[in-house]
């Protein structure tokens, strides 16, 4: 019984830890796009609080965060996107990936305007 209780506690703690730091639900399910000149860039705020980022400049190979975890926090208008654990080096995990502000129909990330799609 003692062993079962220990395992149950461990499972509860692990599931709680997985949810810590996940995004505020305000942006979940939204996509914001910047498309100017030869730059196409997109931030997708997924329903589970994760963030997906895609960038393509001209004919160059695209950059995306497929397979690498990002998550966000939203405090009023202040938006911060962090590196998650999956896919990033130990030194990078849980550090700031990018930051900006949320304005309803658009977000500003590092001086660039992304319109809600």
PDB file of N, CA and C in Angstrom:
ATOM      1  N   UNK A   1       0.830  -1.195   0.000  1.00  0.00           N
ATOM      2  CA  UNK A   1       0.000   0.000   0.000  1.00  0.00           C
ATOM      3  C   UNK A   1       0.870   1.253   0.000  1.00  0.00           C
ATOM      4  N   UNK A   2       1.940   1.213   0.788  1.00  0.00           N
ATOM      5  CA  UNK A   2       2.840   2.355   0.863  1.00  0.00           C
ATOM      6  C   UNK A   2       3.480   2.619  -0.503  1.00  0.00           C
ATOM      7  N   UNK A   3       3.856   1.553  -1.208  1.00  0.00           N
ATOM      8  CA  UNK A   3       4.449   1.669  -2.539  1.00  0.00           C
ATOM      9  C   UNK A   3       3.441   2.268  -3.525  1.00  0.00           C
ATOM     10  N   UNK A   4       2.196   1.814  -3.470  1.00  0.00           N
ATOM     11  CA  UNK A   4       1.150   2.325  -4.349  1.00  0.00           C
ATOM     12  C   UNK A   4       0.942   3.823  -4.115  1.00  0.00           C
ATOM     13  N   UNK A   5       0.914   4.239  -2.854  1.00  0.00           N
ATOM     14  CA  UNK A   5       0.737   5.639  -2.515  1.00  0.00           C
ATOM     15  C   UNK A   5       1.895   6.478  -3.052  1.00  0.00           C
ATOM     16  N   UNK A   6       3.115   5.971  -2.948  1.00  0.00           N
ATOM     17  CA  UNK A   6       4.288   6.687  -3.462  1.00  0.00           C
ATOM     18  C   UNK A   6       4.203   6.865  -4.974  1.00  0.00           C
ATOM     19  N   UNK A   7       3.806   5.805  -5.665  1.00  0.00           N
ATOM     20  CA  UNK A   7       3.668   5.882  -7.122  1.00  0.00           C
ATOM     21  C   UNK A   7       2.571   6.867  -7.504  1.00  0.00           C
ATOM     22  N   UNK A   8       1.444   6.828  -6.801  1.00  0.00           N
ATOM     23  CA  UNK A   8       0.341   7.747  -7.070  1.00  0.00           C
ATOM     24  C   UNK A   8       0.789   9.195  -6.874  1.00  0.00           C
ATOM     25  N   UNK A   9       1.504   9.468  -5.812  1.00  0.00           N
ATOM     26  CA  UNK A   9       2.015  10.825  -5.555  1.00  0.00           C
ATOM     27  C   UNK A   9       2.951  11.278  -6.671  1.00  0.00           C
ATOM     28  N   UNK A  10       3.814  10.389  -7.127  1.00  0.00           N
ATOM     29  CA  UNK A  10       4.756  10.723  -8.200  1.00  0.00           C
ATOM     30  C   UNK A  10       4.015  11.067  -9.493  1.00  0.00           C
ATOM     31  N   UNK A  11       2.982  10.294  -9.816  1.00  0.00           N
ATOM     32  CA  UNK A  11       2.201  10.542 -11.031  1.00  0.00           C
ATOM     33  C   UNK A  11       1.494  11.892 -10.943  1.00  0.00           C
ATOM     34  N   UNK A  12       0.907  12.196  -9.813  1.00  0.00           N
ATOM     35  CA  UNK A  12       0.221  13.474  -9.627  1.00  0.00           C
ATOM     36  C   UNK A  12       1.206  14.631  -9.749  1.00  0.00           C
ATOM     37  N   UNK A  13       2.372  14.501  -9.145  1.00  0.00           N
ATOM     38  CA  UNK A  13       3.379  15.567  -9.207  1.00  0.00           C
ATOM     39  C   UNK A  13       3.872  15.771 -10.635  1.00  0.00           C
ATOM     40  N   UNK A  14       4.112  14.696 -11.372  1.00  0.00           N
ATOM     41  CA  UNK A  14       4.579  14.816 -12.752  1.00  0.00           C
ATOM     42  C   UNK A  14       3.536  15.475 -13.640  1.00  0.00           C
ATOM     43  N   UNK A  15       2.285  15.116 -13.472  1.00  0.00           N
ATOM     44  CA  UNK A  15       1.250  15.727 -14.309  1.00  0.00           C
ATOM     45  C   UNK A  15       1.090  17.198 -13.964  1.00  0.00           C
ATOM     46  N   UNK A  16       1.241  17.564 -12.712  1.00  0.00           N
ATOM     47  CA  UNK A  16       1.154  18.971 -12.318  1.00  0.00           C
ATOM     48  C   UNK A  16       2.329  19.751 -12.879  1.00  0.00           C
ATOM     49  N   UNK A  17       3.526  19.175 -12.847  1.00  0.00           N
ATOM     50  CA  UNK A  17       4.716  19.847 -13.372  1.00  0.00           C
ATOM     51  C   UNK A  17       4.583  20.095 -14.867  1.00  0.00           C
ATOM     52  N   UNK A  18       3.980  19.193 -15.587  1.00  0.00           N
ATOM     53  CA  UNK A  18       3.816  19.345 -17.027  1.00  0.00           C
ATOM     54  C   UNK A  18       2.973  20.565 -17.356  1.00  0.00           C
ATOM     55  N   UNK A  19       2.040  20.928 -16.473  1.00  0.00           N
ATOM     56  CA  UNK A  19       1.143  22.044 -16.747  1.00  0.00           C
ATOM     57  C   UNK A  19       1.722  23.382 -16.298  1.00  0.00           C
ATOM     58  N   UNK A  20       2.721  23.358 -15.439  1.00  0.00           N
ATOM     59  CA  UNK A  20       3.320  24.603 -14.962  1.00  0.00           C
ATOM     60  C   UNK A  20       3.989  25.313 -16.123  1.00  0.00           C
ATOM     61  N   UNK A  21       3.739  26.609 -16.267  1.00  0.00           N
ATOM     62  CA  UNK A  21       4.374  27.393 -17.302  1.00  0.00           C
ATOM     63  C   UNK A  21       3.670  27.332 -18.647  1.00  0.00           C
ATOM     64  N   UNK A  22       2.605  26.600 -18.769  1.00  0.00           N
ATOM     65  CA  UNK A  22       1.881  26.560 -20.035  1.00  0.00           C
ATOM     66  C   UNK A  22       1.114  27.863 -20.213  1.00  0.00           C
ATOM     67  N   UNK A  23       0.788  28.157 -21.438  1.00  0.00           N
ATOM     68  CA  UNK A  23       0.215  29.453 -21.771  1.00  0.00           C
ATOM     69  C   UNK A  23      -1.123  29.760 -21.143  1.00  0.00           C
ATOM     70  N   UNK A  24      -1.361  31.033 -20.962  1.00  0.00           N
ATOM     71  CA  UNK A  24      -2.657  31.546 -20.562  1.00  0.00           C
ATOM     72  C   UNK A  24      -3.624  31.214 -21.696  1.00  0.00           C
ATOM     73  N   UNK A  25      -4.807  30.792 -21.396  1.00  0.00           N
ATOM     74  CA  UNK A  25      -5.735  30.325 -22.424  1.00  0.00           C
ATOM     75  C   UNK A  25      -6.241  31.442 -23.346  1.00  0.00           C
ATOM     76  N   UNK A  26      -5.928  32.701 -23.051  1.00  0.00           N
ATOM     77  CA  UNK A  26      -6.430  33.820 -23.856  1.00  0.00           C
ATOM     78  C   UNK A  26      -6.004  33.736 -25.322  1.00  0.00           C
ATOM     79  N   UNK A  27      -4.836  33.215 -25.618  1.00  0.00           N
ATOM     80  CA  UNK A  27      -4.343  33.153 -26.992  1.00  0.00           C
ATOM     81  C   UNK A  27      -4.462  31.765 -27.611  1.00  0.00           C
ATOM     82  N   UNK A  28      -4.821  30.775 -26.813  1.00  0.00           N
ATOM     83  CA  UNK A  28      -4.875  29.405 -27.318  1.00  0.00           C
ATOM     84  C   UNK A  28      -5.804  29.302 -28.524  1.00  0.00           C
ATOM     85  N   UNK A  29      -5.320  28.639 -29.573  1.00  0.00           N
ATOM     86  CA  UNK A  29      -6.083  28.456 -30.792  1.00  0.00           C
ATOM     87  C   UNK A  29      -5.951  29.592 -31.799  1.00  0.00           C
ATOM     88  N   UNK A  30      -5.211  30.651 -31.471  1.00  0.00           N
ATOM     89  CA  UNK A  30      -5.052  31.796 -32.378  1.00  0.00           C
ATOM     90  C   UNK A  30      -3.762  31.677 -33.187  1.00  0.00           C
ATOM     91  N   UNK A  31      -3.794  32.247 -34.398  1.00  0.00           N
ATOM     92  CA  UNK A  31      -2.618  32.316 -35.260  1.00  0.00           C
ATOM     93  C   UNK A  31      -2.408  33.764 -35.668  1.00  0.00           C
ATOM     94  N   UNK A  32      -1.158  34.202 -35.624  1.00  0.00           N
ATOM     95  CA  UNK A  32      -0.783  35.561 -36.011  1.00  0.00           C
ATOM     96  C   UNK A  32       0.288  35.468 -37.092  1.00  0.00           C
ATOM     97  N   UNK A  33       0.129  36.280 -38.152  1.00  0.00           N
ATOM     98  CA  UNK A  33       1.007  36.177 -39.318  1.00  0.00           C
ATOM     99  C   UNK A  33       1.576  37.545 -39.683  1.00  0.00           C
ATOM    100  N   UNK A  34       2.833  37.535 -40.093  1.00  0.00           N
ATOM    101  CA  UNK A  34       3.489  38.711 -40.676  1.00  0.00           C
ATOM    102  C   UNK A  34       3.917  38.301 -42.072  1.00  0.00           C
ATOM    103  N   UNK A  35       3.473  39.053 -43.072  1.00  0.00           N
ATOM    104  CA  UNK A  35       3.792  38.742 -44.457  1.00  0.00           C
ATOM    105  C   UNK A  35       4.144  40.052 -45.151  1.00  0.00           C
ATOM    106  N   UNK A  36       5.427  40.339 -45.221  1.00  0.00           N
ATOM    107  CA  UNK A  36       5.849  41.570 -45.880  1.00  0.00           C
ATOM    108  C   UNK A  36       7.092  41.307 -46.703  1.00  0.00           C
ATOM    109  N   UNK A  37       7.108  41.914 -47.862  1.00  0.00           N
ATOM    110  CA  UNK A  37       8.194  41.723 -48.823  1.00  0.00           C
ATOM    111  C   UNK A  37       8.400  40.231 -49.058  1.00  0.00           C
ATOM    112  N   UNK A  38       9.557  39.713 -48.748  1.00  0.00           N
ATOM    113  CA  UNK A  38       9.812  38.284 -48.978  1.00  0.00           C
ATOM    114  C   UNK A  38       9.845  37.502 -47.663  1.00  0.00           C
ATOM    115  N   UNK A  39       9.255  38.087 -46.600  1.00  0.00           N
ATOM    116  CA  UNK A  39       9.254  37.438 -45.286  1.00  0.00           C
ATOM    117  C   UNK A  39       7.852  36.915 -44.969  1.00  0.00           C
ATOM    118  N   UNK A  40       7.774  35.654 -44.639  1.00  0.00           N
ATOM    119  CA  UNK A  40       6.539  35.067 -44.126  1.00  0.00           C
ATOM    120  C   UNK A  40       6.870  34.504 -42.753  1.00  0.00           C
ATOM    121  N   UNK A  41       6.144  34.964 -41.755  1.00  0.00           N
ATOM    122  CA  UNK A  41       6.408  34.519 -40.386  1.00  0.00           C
ATOM    123  C   UNK A  41       5.076  34.299 -39.681  1.00  0.00           C
ATOM    124  N   UNK A  42       5.009  33.244 -38.879  1.00  0.00           N
ATOM    125  CA  UNK A  42       3.739  32.878 -38.235  1.00  0.00           C
ATOM    126  C   UNK A  42       3.991  32.375 -36.808  1.00  0.00           C
ATOM    127  N   UNK A  43       3.130  32.791 -35.898  1.00  0.00           N
ATOM    128  CA  UNK A  43       3.084  32.246 -34.535  1.00  0.00           C
ATOM    129  C   UNK A  43       1.720  31.602 -34.356  1.00  0.00           C
ATOM    130  N   UNK A  44       1.711  30.327 -34.026  1.00  0.00           N
ATOM    131  CA  UNK A  44       0.468  29.612 -33.749  1.00  0.00           C
ATOM    132  C   UNK A  44       0.427  29.274 -32.267  1.00  0.00           C
ATOM    133  N   UNK A  45      -0.601  29.738 -31.587  1.00  0.00           N
ATOM    134  CA  UNK A  45      -0.798  29.454 -30.171  1.00  0.00           C
ATOM    135  C   UNK A  45      -1.773  28.284 -30.092  1.00  0.00           C
ATOM    136  N   UNK A  46      -1.261  27.131 -29.779  1.00  0.00           N
ATOM    137  CA  UNK A  46      -2.048  25.912 -29.836  1.00  0.00           C
ATOM    138  C   UNK A  46      -2.940  25.772 -28.604  1.00  0.00           C
ATOM    139  N   UNK A  47      -3.964  24.932 -28.729  1.00  0.00           N
ATOM    140  CA  UNK A  47      -4.960  24.762 -27.667  1.00  0.00           C
ATOM    141  C   UNK A  47      -4.373  24.282 -26.347  1.00  0.00           C
ATOM    142  N   UNK A  48      -3.230  23.601 -26.376  1.00  0.00           N
ATOM    143  CA  UNK A  48      -2.625  23.081 -25.147  1.00  0.00           C
ATOM    144  C   UNK A  48      -1.659  24.067 -24.487  1.00  0.00           C
ATOM    145  N   UNK A  49      -1.565  25.305 -25.019  1.00  0.00           N
ATOM    146  CA  UNK A  49      -0.681  26.304 -24.438  1.00  0.00           C
ATOM    147  C   UNK A  49       0.692  26.349 -25.070  1.00  0.00           C
ATOM    148  N   UNK A  50       0.985  25.417 -25.968  1.00  0.00           N
ATOM    149  CA  UNK A  50       2.259  25.446 -26.681  1.00  0.00           C
ATOM    150  C   UNK A  50       2.196  26.460 -27.817  1.00  0.00           C
ATOM    151  N   UNK A  51       3.363  26.855 -28.304  1.00  0.00           N
ATOM    152  CA  UNK A  51       3.466  27.825 -29.391  1.00  0.00           C
ATOM    153  C   UNK A  51       4.304  27.205 -30.503  1.00  0.00           C
ATOM    154  N   UNK A  52       3.898  27.428 -31.741  1.00  0.00           N
ATOM    155  CA  UNK A  52       4.639  26.985 -32.918  1.00  0.00           C
ATOM    156  C   UNK A  52       5.063  28.226 -33.684  1.00  0.00           C
ATOM    157  N   UNK A  53       6.330  28.309 -34.111  1.00  0.00           N
ATOM    158  CA  UNK A  53       6.847  29.463 -34.839  1.00  0.00           C
ATOM    159  C   UNK A  53       7.433  29.012 -36.172  1.00  0.00           C
ATOM    160  N   UNK A  54       7.037  29.689 -37.242  1.00  0.00           N
ATOM    161  CA  UNK A  54       7.489  29.384 -38.598  1.00  0.00           C
ATOM    162  C   UNK A  54       7.991  30.667 -39.242  1.00  0.00           C
ATOM    163  N   UNK A  55       9.149  30.607 -39.913  1.00  0.00           N
ATOM    164  CA  UNK A  55       9.696  31.752 -40.634  1.00  0.00           C
ATOM    165  C   UNK A  55      10.261  31.302 -41.972  1.00  0.00           C
ATOM    166  N   UNK A  56       9.982  32.084 -42.996  1.00  0.00           N
ATOM    167  CA  UNK A  56      10.606  31.848 -44.303  1.00  0.00           C
ATOM    168  C   UNK A  56      10.985  33.207 -44.886  1.00  0.00           C
ATOM    169  N   UNK A  57      12.240  33.326 -45.308  1.00  0.00           N
ATOM    170  CA  UNK A  57      12.729  34.556 -45.915  1.00  0.00           C
ATOM    171  C   UNK A  57      13.150  34.237 -47.340  1.00  0.00           C
ATOM    172  N   UNK A  58      12.425  34.815 -48.286  1.00  0.00           N
ATOM    173  CA  UNK A  58      12.746  34.604 -49.704  1.00  0.00           C
ATOM    174  C   UNK A  58      12.727  33.138 -50.091  1.00  0.00           C
ATOM    175  N   UNK A  59      13.767  32.733 -50.808  1.00  0.00           N
ATOM    176  CA  UNK A  59      13.876  31.355 -51.271  1.00  0.00           C
ATOM    177  C   UNK A  59      14.650  30.466 -50.308  1.00  0.00           C
ATOM    178  N   UNK A  60      15.046  31.022 -49.173  1.00  0.00           N
ATOM    179  CA  UNK A  60      15.831  30.231 -48.220  1.00  0.00           C
ATOM    180  C   UNK A  60      14.971  29.131 -47.592  1.00  0.00           C
ATOM    181  N   UNK A  61      15.629  28.162 -47.030  1.00  0.00           N
ATOM    182  CA  UNK A  61      14.913  27.076 -46.348  1.00  0.00           C
ATOM    183  C   UNK A  61      14.164  27.655 -45.154  1.00  0.00           C
ATOM    184  N   UNK A  62      12.946  27.195 -44.921  1.00  0.00           N
ATOM    185  CA  UNK A  62      12.180  27.735 -43.783  1.00  0.00           C
ATOM    186  C   UNK A  62      12.749  27.278 -42.441  1.00  0.00           C
ATOM    187  N   UNK A  63      12.506  28.079 -41.423  1.00  0.00           N
ATOM    188  CA  UNK A  63      12.833  27.718 -40.050  1.00  0.00           C
ATOM    189  C   UNK A  63      11.514  27.488 -39.335  1.00  0.00           C
ATOM    190  N   UNK A  64      11.419  26.409 -38.583  1.00  0.00           N
ATOM    191  CA  UNK A  64      10.240  26.215 -37.751  1.00  0.00           C
ATOM    192  C   UNK A  64      10.626  25.491 -36.470  1.00  0.00           C
ATOM    193  N   UNK A  65       9.728  25.535 -35.518  1.00  0.00           N
ATOM    194  CA  UNK A  65      10.002  24.933 -34.209  1.00  0.00           C
ATOM    195  C   UNK A  65       9.326  23.575 -34.075  1.00  0.00           C
ATOM    196  N   UNK A  66       9.058  22.920 -35.197  1.00  0.00           N
ATOM    197  CA  UNK A  66       8.476  21.577 -35.182  1.00  0.00           C
ATOM    198  C   UNK A  66       9.352  20.648 -34.351  1.00  0.00           C
ATOM    199  N   UNK A  67       8.771  19.968 -33.392  1.00  0.00           N
ATOM    200  CA  UNK A  67       9.511  19.039 -32.550  1.00  0.00           C
ATOM    201  C   UNK A  67      10.213  19.694 -31.368  1.00  0.00           C
ATOM    202  N   UNK A  68      10.128  21.018 -31.280  1.00  0.00           N
ATOM    203  CA  UNK A  68      10.742  21.734 -30.159  1.00  0.00           C
ATOM    204  C   UNK A  68       9.652  22.502 -29.408  1.00  0.00           C
ATOM    205  N   UNK A  69       9.610  22.348 -28.108  1.00  0.00           N
ATOM    206  CA  UNK A  69       8.550  22.949 -27.311  1.00  0.00           C
ATOM    207  C   UNK A  69       8.792  24.435 -27.057  1.00  0.00           C
ATOM    208  N   UNK A  70       7.756  25.224 -27.257  1.00  0.00           N
ATOM    209  CA  UNK A  70       7.696  26.621 -26.833  1.00  0.00           C
ATOM    210  C   UNK A  70       6.412  26.782 -26.038  1.00  0.00           C
ATOM    211  N   UNK A  71       6.415  27.680 -25.065  1.00  0.00           N
ATOM    212  CA  UNK A  71       5.201  27.999 -24.323  1.00  0.00           C
ATOM    213  C   UNK A  71       5.204  29.493 -24.042  1.00  0.00           C
ATOM    214  N   UNK A  72       4.074  30.036 -23.605  1.00  0.00           N
ATOM    215  CA  UNK A  72       3.985  31.478 -23.415  1.00  0.00           C
ATOM    216  C   UNK A  72       3.310  31.847 -22.105  1.00  0.00           C
ATOM    217  N   UNK A  73       3.545  33.087 -21.696  1.00  0.00           N
ATOM    218  CA  UNK A  73       2.794  33.697 -20.599  1.00  0.00           C
ATOM    219  C   UNK A  73       2.248  35.025 -21.111  1.00  0.00           C
ATOM    220  N   UNK A  74       1.096  35.384 -20.625  1.00  0.00           N
ATOM    221  CA  UNK A  74       0.460  36.641 -20.998  1.00  0.00           C
ATOM    222  C   UNK A  74       0.029  37.332 -19.721  1.00  0.00           C
ATOM    223  N   UNK A  75       0.597  38.501 -19.462  1.00  0.00           N
ATOM    224  CA  UNK A  75       0.275  39.283 -18.275  1.00  0.00           C
ATOM    225  C   UNK A  75      -0.246  40.628 -18.757  1.00  0.00           C
ATOM    226  N   UNK A  76      -1.567  40.758 -18.823  1.00  0.00           N
ATOM    227  CA  UNK A  76      -2.159  41.958 -19.416  1.00  0.00           C
ATOM    228  C   UNK A  76      -1.845  41.965 -20.898  1.00  0.00           C
ATOM    229  N   UNK A  77      -1.090  42.949 -21.357  1.00  0.00           N
ATOM    230  CA  UNK A  77      -0.663  43.009 -22.761  1.00  0.00           C
ATOM    231  C   UNK A  77       0.715  42.397 -22.969  1.00  0.00           C
ATOM    232  N   UNK A  78       1.443  42.171 -21.901  1.00  0.00           N
ATOM    233  CA  UNK A  78       2.821  41.685 -21.998  1.00  0.00           C
ATOM    234  C   UNK A  78       2.869  40.196 -22.326  1.00  0.00           C
ATOM    235  N   UNK A  79       3.447  39.870 -23.481  1.00  0.00           N
ATOM    236  CA  UNK A  79       3.538  38.509 -23.981  1.00  0.00           C
ATOM    237  C   UNK A  79       5.002  38.057 -23.986  1.00  0.00           C
ATOM    238  N   UNK A  80       5.271  36.916 -23.367  1.00  0.00           N
ATOM    239  CA  UNK A  80       6.621  36.349 -23.374  1.00  0.00           C
ATOM    240  C   UNK A  80       6.519  34.896 -23.815  1.00  0.00           C
ATOM    241  N   UNK A  81       7.324  34.526 -24.813  1.00  0.00           N
ATOM    242  CA  UNK A  81       7.380  33.156 -25.309  1.00  0.00           C
ATOM    243  C   UNK A  81       8.701  32.563 -24.855  1.00  0.00           C
ATOM    244  N   UNK A  82       8.633  31.374 -24.268  1.00  0.00           N
ATOM    245  CA  UNK A  82       9.801  30.713 -23.693  1.00  0.00           C
ATOM    246  C   UNK A  82      10.140  29.432 -24.448  1.00  0.00           C
ATOM    247  N   UNK A  83      11.429  29.065 -24.410  1.00  0.00           N
ATOM    248  CA  UNK A  83      11.845  27.743 -24.854  1.00  0.00           C
ATOM    249  C   UNK A  83      11.292  26.742 -23.850  1.00  0.00           C
ATOM    250  N   UNK A  84      10.762  25.649 -24.332  1.00  0.00           N
ATOM    251  CA  UNK A  84      10.318  24.583 -23.446  1.00  0.00           C
ATOM    252  C   UNK A  84      11.468  23.627 -23.175  1.00  0.00           C
ATOM    253  N   UNK A  85      11.145  22.436 -22.753  1.00  0.00           N
ATOM    254  CA  UNK A  85      12.160  21.437 -22.440  1.00  0.00           C
ATOM    255  C   UNK A  85      12.485  20.598 -23.672  1.00  0.00           C
ATOM    256  N   UNK A  86      11.472  20.171 -24.385  1.00  0.00           N
ATOM    257  CA  UNK A  86      11.653  19.254 -25.512  1.00  0.00           C
ATOM    258  C   UNK A  86      12.374  19.928 -26.682  1.00  0.00           C
ATOM    259  N   UNK A  87      13.459  19.317 -27.132  1.00  0.00           N
ATOM    260  CA  UNK A  87      14.144  19.759 -28.337  1.00  0.00           C
ATOM    261  C   UNK A  87      15.185  20.846 -28.160  1.00  0.00           C
ATOM    262  N   UNK A  88      15.338  21.400 -26.975  1.00  0.00           N
ATOM    263  CA  UNK A  88      16.305  22.480 -26.751  1.00  0.00           C
ATOM    264  C   UNK A  88      17.433  21.996 -25.845  1.00  0.00           C
ATOM    265  N   UNK A  89      18.621  22.580 -26.018  1.00  0.00           N
ATOM    266  CA  UNK A  89      19.754  22.250 -25.150  1.00  0.00           C
ATOM    267  C   UNK A  89      19.421  22.642 -23.713  1.00  0.00           C
ATOM    268  N   UNK A  90      20.059  21.970 -22.786  1.00  0.00           N
ATOM    269  CA  UNK A  90      19.799  22.204 -21.361  1.00  0.00           C
ATOM    270  C   UNK A  90      19.979  23.682 -20.980  1.00  0.00           C
ATOM    271  N   UNK A  91      20.966  24.341 -21.571  1.00  0.00           N
ATOM    272  CA  UNK A  91      21.253  25.747 -21.241  1.00  0.00           C
ATOM    273  C   UNK A  91      20.165  26.702 -21.732  1.00  0.00           C
ATOM    274  N   UNK A  92      19.390  26.279 -22.721  1.00  0.00           N
ATOM    275  CA  UNK A  92      18.388  27.146 -23.344  1.00  0.00           C
ATOM    276  C   UNK A  92      17.006  26.956 -22.737  1.00  0.00           C
ATOM    277  N   UNK A  93      16.742  25.810 -22.174  1.00  0.00           N
ATOM    278  CA  UNK A  93      15.411  25.475 -21.664  1.00  0.00           C
ATOM    279  C   UNK A  93      14.884  26.516 -20.682  1.00  0.00           C
ATOM    280  N   UNK A  94      13.618  26.881 -20.856  1.00  0.00           N
ATOM    281  CA  UNK A  94      12.906  27.827 -19.990  1.00  0.00           C
ATOM    282  C   UNK A  94      13.498  29.229 -19.992  1.00  0.00           C
ATOM    283  N   UNK A  95      14.220  29.587 -21.069  1.00  0.00           N
ATOM    284  CA  UNK A  95      14.693  30.961 -21.247  1.00  0.00           C
ATOM    285  C   UNK A  95      13.800  31.640 -22.280  1.00  0.00           C
ATOM    286  N   UNK A  96      13.881  32.946 -22.370  1.00  0.00           N
ATOM    287  CA  UNK A  96      13.030  33.710 -23.280  1.00  0.00           C
ATOM    288  C   UNK A  96      13.404  33.416 -24.734  1.00  0.00           C
ATOM    289  N   UNK A  97      12.406  33.077 -25.521  1.00  0.00           N
ATOM    290  CA  UNK A  97      12.556  32.857 -26.961  1.00  0.00           C
ATOM    291  C   UNK A  97      12.291  34.172 -27.702  1.00  0.00           C
ATOM    292  N   UNK A  98      11.196  34.837 -27.347  1.00  0.00           N
ATOM    293  CA  UNK A  98      10.867  36.152 -27.889  1.00  0.00           C
ATOM    294  C   UNK A  98       9.854  36.816 -26.962  1.00  0.00           C
ATOM    295  N   UNK A  99       9.680  38.122 -27.134  1.00  0.00           N
ATOM    296  CA  UNK A  99       8.727  38.826 -26.276  1.00  0.00           C
ATOM    297  C   UNK A  99       8.067  39.949 -27.063  1.00  0.00           C
ATOM    298  N   UNK A 100       6.945  40.404 -26.545  1.00  0.00           N
ATOM    299  CA  UNK A 100       6.216  41.470 -27.210  1.00  0.00           C
ATOM    300  C   UNK A 100       4.955  41.831 -26.455  1.00  0.00           C
ATOM    301  N   UNK A 101       3.956  42.307 -27.206  1.00  0.00           N
ATOM    302  CA  UNK A 101       2.700  42.734 -26.601  1.00  0.00           C
ATOM    303  C   UNK A 101       1.518  42.202 -27.415  1.00  0.00           C
ATOM    304  N   UNK A 102       0.404  41.989 -26.722  1.00  0.00           N
ATOM    305  CA  UNK A 102      -0.826  41.480 -27.322  1.00  0.00           C
ATOM    306  C   UNK A 102      -1.843  42.616 -27.386  1.00  0.00           C
ATOM    307  N   UNK A 103      -2.443  42.816 -28.568  1.00  0.00           N
ATOM    308  CA  UNK A 103      -3.381  43.916 -28.775  1.00  0.00           C
ATOM    309  C   UNK A 103      -4.720  43.456 -29.340  1.00  0.00           C
ATOM    310  N   UNK A 104      -5.084  42.213 -29.125  1.00  0.00           N
ATOM    311  CA  UNK A 104      -6.371  41.704 -29.608  1.00  0.00           C
ATOM    312  C   UNK A 104      -6.302  41.215 -31.040  1.00  0.00           C
ATOM    313  N   UNK A 105      -6.316  42.143 -31.996  1.00  0.00           N
ATOM    314  CA  UNK A 105      -6.271  41.771 -33.411  1.00  0.00           C
ATOM    315  C   UNK A 105      -4.855  41.556 -33.933  1.00  0.00           C
ATOM    316  N   UNK A 106      -3.878  41.927 -33.147  1.00  0.00           N
ATOM    317  CA  UNK A 106      -2.491  41.726 -33.567  1.00  0.00           C
ATOM    318  C   UNK A 106      -1.577  41.603 -32.347  1.00  0.00           C
ATOM    319  N   UNK A 107      -0.381  41.079 -32.591  1.00  0.00           N
ATOM    320  CA  UNK A 107       0.665  41.059 -31.577  1.00  0.00           C
ATOM    321  C   UNK A 107       1.893  41.748 -32.157  1.00  0.00           C
ATOM    322  N   UNK A 108       2.666  42.362 -31.288  1.00  0.00           N
ATOM    323  CA  UNK A 108       3.954  42.942 -31.671  1.00  0.00           C
ATOM    324  C   UNK A 108       5.021  42.079 -31.021  1.00  0.00           C
ATOM    325  N   UNK A 109       5.879  41.485 -31.831  1.00  0.00           N
ATOM    326  CA  UNK A 109       6.981  40.665 -31.333  1.00  0.00           C
ATOM    327  C   UNK A 109       8.269  41.296 -31.817  1.00  0.00           C
ATOM    328  N   UNK A 110       9.072  41.761 -30.888  1.00  0.00           N
ATOM    329  CA  UNK A 110      10.377  42.361 -31.184  1.00  0.00           C
ATOM    330  C   UNK A 110      10.284  43.393 -32.314  1.00  0.00           C
ATOM    331  N   UNK A 111       9.267  44.273 -32.219  1.00  0.00           N
ATOM    332  CA  UNK A 111       9.115  45.367 -33.168  1.00  0.00           C
ATOM    333  C   UNK A 111       8.384  45.017 -34.448  1.00  0.00           C
ATOM    334  N   UNK A 112       7.974  43.780 -34.645  1.00  0.00           N
ATOM    335  CA  UNK A 112       7.264  43.354 -35.851  1.00  0.00           C
ATOM    336  C   UNK A 112       5.797  43.103 -35.535  1.00  0.00           C
ATOM    337  N   UNK A 113       4.904  43.566 -36.431  1.00  0.00           N
ATOM    338  CA  UNK A 113       3.467  43.397 -36.240  1.00  0.00           C
ATOM    339  C   UNK A 113       2.991  42.120 -36.913  1.00  0.00           C
ATOM    340  N   UNK A 114       2.289  41.281 -36.144  1.00  0.00           N
ATOM    341  CA  UNK A 114       1.708  40.032 -36.630  1.00  0.00           C
ATOM    342  C   UNK A 114       0.187  40.161 -36.520  1.00  0.00           C
ATOM    343  N   UNK A 115      -0.505  40.089 -37.644  1.00  0.00           N
ATOM    344  CA  UNK A 115      -1.965  40.243 -37.661  1.00  0.00           C
ATOM    345  C   UNK A 115      -2.642  38.911 -37.377  1.00  0.00           C
ATOM    346  N   UNK A 116      -3.753  38.990 -36.655  1.00  0.00           N
ATOM    347  CA  UNK A 116      -4.513  37.788 -36.339  1.00  0.00           C
ATOM    348  C   UNK A 116      -5.165  37.250 -37.600  1.00  0.00           C
ATOM    349  N   UNK A 117      -5.073  35.962 -37.786  1.00  0.00           N
ATOM    350  CA  UNK A 117      -5.609  35.331 -38.978  1.00  0.00           C
ATOM    351  C   UNK A 117      -6.886  34.600 -38.674  1.00  0.00           C
TER     352      UNK A 117
END
